[in-house]
Amino acid sequence: QFTQPAAITDEVIEQIVALEELAPLHNAPARQVIAVALRMAELLGRPLGELKLITLHLEGGSSAAAIRNGRSIDTSMGFTPLEGLMMGTRSGDLDPAIPLYLMRKEGWDAQETERFLNKQCGLLGVSGRSADTRELRQQLTDPHVDLALNIFCYRVRKYIGAYLATLGGADAIVLGGGIGENTAMARQRIACGMEWCGVVLDEVRNAQVIDREGRITVAHADLPVWVIPTQEGLMMAHHAARA
């Protein structure tokens, strides 16, 4: 039935289900991923093939993606996950001369420099306290903590702006991951000043939508922002149960 790549249709999904007994470790998870990737289209009541979306997976390892007509056309991660958004311990985008400077100044080799940029930078490096926003948001009186969170949110907002240009506008912004799903303060800082493109945060909804699906912008916002939990733990549990 499948001898080459196929566009996902209701018929194709039915065939994937029918063939699950032949590949139970692959077909069922694939069907679940398809269901999740179509979720924003369901909420907007429009075909995925007509949508332009910006998705933001924000947690220890963060990334952004620009999706046009159901296909990812750009992502913030590059040759390695180090590129892109500032993360829990990863630096994200930086001047390519910085690793060379660190190697000269600190006398580090390539392995030590790589470890530093991956393990000791990001929220942890700037704040000097933690990579976990649940801890950092309790210490906002510390200027280094406040700076770390401001940089993190600025980088996210910067990528949203870049992907709005790449896509020629968007139908929705989707937030997921630990920070995106449960840190209302970070979401508020990300959305701050984005009214120009149609993002108008609803402060009450933003405070209420924690670890669950929901819209966090006002009903009339031209560019809605939704939180859609990724449920990675549930997916891993399914895999482990089948092993």
Foldseek 3Di string as FASTA:
>chain_A
DPPDDDDDDPVVLVVLVVCCVVPVLPSVVVSVVVVQLCVVCVVVVHQLQQFWEWEWAAAQQIKIFTDHRSRTPDMQADPHSLAAAQHLQARHDDDPCVLVVCCVVVVDDPVVSVCNNRGHDQLCPQLVPGSGVVVLVVPCVRVSSVVRLLRRLVRVLVVVVVSCVVRVHGQEYEYEHQCRAAPLVSVCSNCPPVVVRQFAFDSVQSNVRHNDWDWGGDPPGNYTYIYHYPPPVVVVVVSVVVD
